[in-house]
Structures are given as C-alpha cells and as structure tokens.
Amino acid sequence: MFTGLVQKVGALRRLSRAGEGWSLEVAHEPWPDALVLGESVAVQGACLTVTAAGRGFFTADLLDETLGRTALRGLAEGARLNLERALAVGERLGGHIVSGHVDEVGTLAGVAARGRDVAWRIACSAALARQTVLKGSVAVEGVSLTVSGLGDDCFEVNLIPHTLQSTSLCDRRVGDALNLEGDLVGKYVARLLGRDAGGGVSERLLEENGFL
C-alpha cells in the first residue's frame, strides 16, 4: 500500500522487451536505506516489484497488461517518474490509501490558473467519475490529490506550487495521458450499491445487509 506522497522523482533509463514481458529501469537519487529485491515501489502510481537494484537505480518487470493499462507505455527515455516506496506499518498516512493498481488512463483536458495554484480538469470514464466525490481523494500519476470539482466524465483537482515543483506533474501538458486510481473506499461502496451494474439501494439490499 502507498499514500500518494511522492518521495523521489526519478528518470526512465530504458523500457525494453524482456522475454514475454518488459523491463523498466529507473534512475534515482539513492534512498538512505537501499531498495531490496522483491519490495514494491510505485512508479507513476503503478505498483512494481524491484527485480534488481544498485546505488541510484532499480529495475522492475512489467507484463503486457501493465503497459496496456497504464500511461507508462507512452513515456520516452529520460522522462521524470514519481516514486514512492510501500508504506511501512506505523508511518504517517499523509495522503490517502493508494493500492498502486491503476484503474484507467485519463487525459489532462484543461489547465487553468487559480491564484497561486493551478486547476486541472481530467477526463475519465463515467464509472470512475461516479466513484469520485467532491473533497474526496484521487491518485493522479501516483500523487494524492483532493477533488475540487466533478462532472459526468471528468473531475477537477487543484495543484499547489509545491506539488508541481516536487513531482513529474510539472511535465504534463493538455492532451497528455495520466494514470488514475480512484479512492479505494469509494470502489467498495460503489460495488456494494451495485452502481457498476446500474443498480442502487433497494429495500432488499438493505434487508440482506442487516439494515431492516
């Protein structure tokens, strides 16, 4: 699990074919305690497993499905990458609960200045929009952000200068693809209410779950 608080911004060294999958190599400033084989690192919001590590770099294997479901496939060598190591029990949960499982690839549809901040309008599926609530949380490229506006097929987030300067989000332009992960609690609620199947709260549902 992760929190959506970026710890380092690395760089993509290479993305190459490896057997029936892909190998991703990332360069980064060393952590005080070195990465170890098998640990999880969120790269642009996608949870990957470290397969090799050295001072200032690590590699991870990716399936075709991972590339197909994320925006990693569109990154060029040298692209900046948001990195976060998995949350340790007892650490502060400064962002929100992030699984590192990208739900879909959205699109940066609009950018507007809001005083010192910047507002992003992000196009997404209607299903993800339904699971998103005003003032709730969403992970964009692995960054925990607060939802400031909602639409039927989009949502808005505000980015403070620190967030833009400290993450790879500063590299994004209108039309760019973005890894999106909806709020985990929202997904369970939507599933319970049957929204994905077009259902809703019914007397039978309430009775089956002990409310009547």
Protein backbone atom coordinates (compact mmCIF):
# COMPACT_ATOMS: atom_id res chain seq x y z
CA MET A 1 0.00 0.00 0.00
CA PHE A 2 1.04 3.61 -0.60
CA THR A 3 -0.08 7.08 0.44
CA GLY A 4 0.26 9.06 -2.79
CA LEU A 5 3.02 11.24 -1.33
CA VAL A 6 5.92 11.22 -3.80
CA GLN A 7 9.27 10.56 -2.12
CA LYS A 8 11.58 10.98 -5.10
CA VAL A 9 11.42 11.91 -8.75
CA GLY A 10 13.48 9.51 -10.81
CA ALA A 11 14.10 9.20 -14.54
CA LEU A 12 13.32 6.49 -17.06
CA ARG A 13 16.58 4.96 -18.27
CA ARG A 14 15.02 2.42 -20.58
CA LEU A 15 11.94 0.35 -21.24
CA SER A 16 12.85 -2.79 -23.13
CA ARG A 17 11.37 -6.13 -24.09
CA ALA A 18 12.32 -8.94 -21.70
CA GLY A 19 11.11 -12.41 -22.58
CA GLU A 20 7.31 -12.36 -22.70
CA GLY A 21 7.16 -9.05 -20.84
CA TRP A 22 9.05 -5.81 -20.37
CA SER A 23 11.83 -4.50 -18.16
CA LEU A 24 11.78 -0.96 -16.78
CA GLU A 25 14.98 0.65 -15.48
CA VAL A 26 14.71 3.75 -13.31
CA ALA A 27 17.50 6.09 -12.19
CA HIS A 28 17.05 7.97 -8.92
CA GLU A 29 18.86 9.64 -6.06
CA PRO A 30 19.71 6.90 -3.51
CA TRP A 31 17.44 6.35 -0.52
CA PRO A 32 19.13 6.34 2.92
CA ASP A 33 18.23 2.66 3.19
CA ALA A 34 18.74 0.86 -0.08
CA LEU A 35 16.00 -0.79 -2.07
CA VAL A 36 15.88 -4.56 -1.71
CA LEU A 37 14.85 -7.24 -4.18
CA GLY A 38 11.16 -8.02 -4.08
CA GLU A 39 9.97 -4.80 -2.47
CA SER A 40 7.24 -2.69 -4.01
CA VAL A 41 7.74 0.76 -5.49
CA ALA A 42 5.01 2.90 -7.03
CA VAL A 43 6.19 4.31 -10.36
CA GLN A 44 3.82 6.97 -11.70
CA GLY A 45 1.22 5.36 -9.46
CA ALA A 46 1.75 1.81 -10.72
CA CYS A 47 2.93 -0.71 -8.11
CA LEU A 48 6.00 -2.54 -9.43
CA THR A 49 8.29 -5.14 -7.88
CA VAL A 50 12.02 -4.48 -7.70
CA THR A 51 13.91 -7.19 -9.62
CA ALA A 52 17.39 -5.63 -9.40
CA ALA A 53 18.78 -2.65 -7.54
CA GLY A 54 22.02 -0.74 -7.18
CA ARG A 55 23.10 2.64 -5.93
CA GLY A 56 20.87 5.09 -7.75
CA PHE A 57 18.86 2.69 -9.93
CA PHE A 58 16.46 -0.23 -9.92
CA THR A 59 14.70 -2.41 -12.47
CA ALA A 60 11.21 -3.88 -12.46
CA ASP A 61 9.42 -6.33 -14.72
CA LEU A 62 6.15 -5.39 -16.41
CA LEU A 63 3.52 -7.52 -18.09
CA ASP A 64 1.99 -6.55 -21.42
CA GLU A 65 -1.21 -5.96 -19.46
CA THR A 66 0.54 -3.42 -17.22
CA LEU A 67 1.71 -1.41 -20.20
CA GLY A 68 -1.70 -1.73 -21.80
CA ARG A 69 -3.50 -0.37 -18.73
CA THR A 70 -1.15 2.46 -17.80
CA ALA A 71 0.44 5.55 -19.32
CA LEU A 72 3.93 4.10 -18.82
CA ARG A 73 3.93 2.88 -22.42
CA GLY A 74 3.95 6.44 -23.73
CA LEU A 75 6.98 7.69 -21.77
CA ALA A 76 10.26 8.46 -23.51
CA GLU A 77 13.71 7.72 -22.12
CA GLY A 78 14.67 10.44 -19.66
CA ALA A 79 11.05 11.10 -18.63
CA ARG A 80 10.69 12.05 -14.98
CA LEU A 81 8.94 9.47 -12.78
CA ASN A 82 7.14 9.83 -9.45
CA LEU A 83 8.49 7.25 -6.98
CA GLU A 84 7.13 6.07 -3.64
CA ARG A 85 8.17 3.09 -1.57
CA ALA A 86 5.48 0.98 0.09
CA LEU A 87 4.03 2.28 3.33
CA ALA A 88 5.50 0.75 6.49
CA VAL A 89 3.19 -0.01 9.41
CA GLY A 90 3.36 2.84 11.92
CA GLU A 91 4.24 5.56 9.41
CA ARG A 92 2.11 8.68 8.99
CA LEU A 93 -0.65 8.37 6.40
CA GLY A 94 -0.25 11.87 5.00
CA GLY A 95 -2.13 11.29 1.72
CA HIS A 96 -4.75 8.57 1.35
CA ILE A 97 -4.76 4.79 0.92
CA VAL A 98 -3.39 4.02 -2.54
CA SER A 99 -3.05 0.45 -3.81
CA GLY A 100 -0.82 1.19 -6.79
CA HIS A 101 -3.28 -0.57 -9.11
CA VAL A 102 -4.07 1.91 -11.86
CA ASP A 103 -7.80 1.92 -12.67
CA GLU A 104 -7.52 3.60 -16.03
CA VAL A 105 -5.64 6.10 -18.15
CA GLY A 106 -7.31 9.51 -18.23
CA THR A 107 -6.43 12.66 -20.15
CA LEU A 108 -5.43 16.12 -18.98
CA ALA A 109 -8.29 18.01 -20.61
CA GLY A 110 -7.74 21.52 -19.29
CA VAL A 111 -5.47 23.73 -17.18
CA ALA A 112 -6.47 27.00 -15.52
CA ALA A 113 -4.70 29.35 -13.13
CA ARG A 114 -6.38 29.77 -9.74
CA GLY A 115 -4.35 32.42 -7.97
CA ARG A 116 -1.05 30.81 -6.98
CA ASP A 117 -2.48 27.35 -7.73
CA VAL A 118 -3.34 25.52 -10.94
CA ALA A 119 -6.61 23.69 -11.59
CA TRP A 120 -6.56 20.57 -13.76
CA ARG A 121 -9.64 19.17 -15.47
CA ILE A 122 -9.09 15.48 -16.07
CA ALA A 123 -11.23 13.45 -18.46
CA CYS A 124 -12.06 9.95 -17.22
CA SER A 125 -14.65 7.24 -17.65
CA ALA A 126 -18.18 7.76 -16.34
CA ALA A 127 -17.62 4.80 -14.00
CA LEU A 128 -14.62 6.43 -12.31
CA ALA A 129 -16.43 9.78 -12.14
CA ARG A 130 -19.35 8.10 -10.31
CA GLN A 131 -16.95 6.71 -7.69
CA THR A 132 -15.39 10.12 -7.10
CA VAL A 133 -16.73 12.61 -4.56
CA LEU A 134 -16.16 16.30 -4.01
CA LYS A 135 -13.34 16.87 -1.48
CA GLY A 136 -12.51 13.19 -1.73
CA SER A 137 -9.18 11.76 -2.83
CA VAL A 138 -7.82 10.52 -6.13
CA ALA A 139 -4.33 9.46 -7.23
CA VAL A 140 -3.03 11.08 -10.42
CA GLU A 141 0.30 9.70 -11.65
CA GLY A 142 0.74 8.37 -8.12
CA VAL A 143 0.13 11.74 -6.45
CA SER A 144 -2.60 12.01 -3.82
CA LEU A 145 -4.86 14.94 -4.73
CA THR A 146 -8.14 16.37 -3.45
CA VAL A 147 -11.10 16.54 -5.81
CA SER A 148 -12.28 20.15 -6.25
CA GLY A 149 -14.88 19.66 -8.98
CA LEU A 150 -16.92 16.90 -10.61
CA GLY A 151 -18.55 16.17 -13.96
CA ASP A 152 -20.21 13.16 -15.58
CA ASP A 153 -16.97 12.12 -17.29
CA CYS A 154 -14.33 14.27 -15.62
CA PHE A 155 -13.11 15.71 -12.34
CA GLU A 156 -11.04 18.68 -11.24
CA VAL A 157 -8.09 18.90 -8.87
CA ASN A 158 -6.09 21.89 -7.67
CA LEU A 159 -2.30 21.69 -7.53
CA ILE A 160 -0.27 23.90 -5.23
CA PRO A 161 3.16 25.11 -6.43
CA HIS A 162 5.00 22.63 -4.17
CA THR A 163 3.19 19.66 -5.75
CA LEU A 164 4.03 20.82 -9.26
CA GLN A 165 7.66 21.52 -8.41
CA SER A 166 8.23 18.30 -6.47
CA THR A 167 6.66 15.77 -8.86
CA SER A 168 6.60 14.88 -12.53
CA LEU A 169 3.22 16.59 -12.86
CA CYS A 170 5.04 19.76 -13.93
CA ASP A 171 5.92 17.96 -17.19
CA ARG A 172 2.32 17.26 -18.15
CA ARG A 173 0.52 19.23 -20.85
CA VAL A 174 -3.07 19.31 -22.12
CA GLY A 175 -3.76 16.11 -24.03
CA ASP A 176 -1.27 14.00 -22.06
CA ALA A 177 -2.26 10.60 -20.69
CA LEU A 178 -2.45 10.22 -16.89
CA ASN A 179 -2.52 7.18 -14.62
CA LEU A 180 -5.62 7.39 -12.43
CA GLU A 181 -6.56 5.43 -9.33
CA GLY A 182 -9.87 6.11 -7.63
CA ASP A 183 -10.42 6.11 -3.89
CA LEU A 184 -10.36 2.55 -2.52
CA VAL A 185 -13.27 3.12 -0.14
CA GLY A 186 -15.34 4.58 -2.96
CA LYS A 187 -14.83 1.44 -5.04
CA TYR A 188 -16.16 -0.80 -2.27
CA VAL A 189 -19.16 1.46 -1.69
CA ALA A 190 -19.94 1.56 -5.41
CA ARG A 191 -19.69 -2.23 -5.57
CA LEU A 192 -21.98 -2.70 -2.56
CA LEU A 193 -24.56 -0.32 -4.01
CA GLY A 194 -24.42 -2.10 -7.35
CA ARG A 195 -23.57 1.04 -9.31
CA ASP A 196 -21.30 -0.80 -11.72
CA ALA A 197 -24.25 -2.94 -12.72
CA GLY A 198 -26.62 0.01 -12.93
CA GLY A 199 -28.32 -0.83 -9.63
CA GLY A 200 -28.77 1.15 -6.46
CA VAL A 201 -30.00 0.98 -2.90
CA SER A 202 -33.13 -1.14 -2.58
CA GLU A 203 -35.20 -2.44 0.32
CA ARG A 204 -33.96 -5.96 -0.49
CA LEU A 205 -30.33 -4.83 -0.43
CA LEU A 206 -30.80 -3.13 2.94
CA GLU A 207 -32.53 -6.21 4.35
CA GLU A 208 -29.80 -8.58 3.08
CA ASN A 209 -27.16 -6.45 4.80
CA GLY A 210 -28.97 -6.28 8.16
CA PHE A 211 -30.40 -2.78 7.98
CA LEU A 212 -34.07 -3.84 8.08
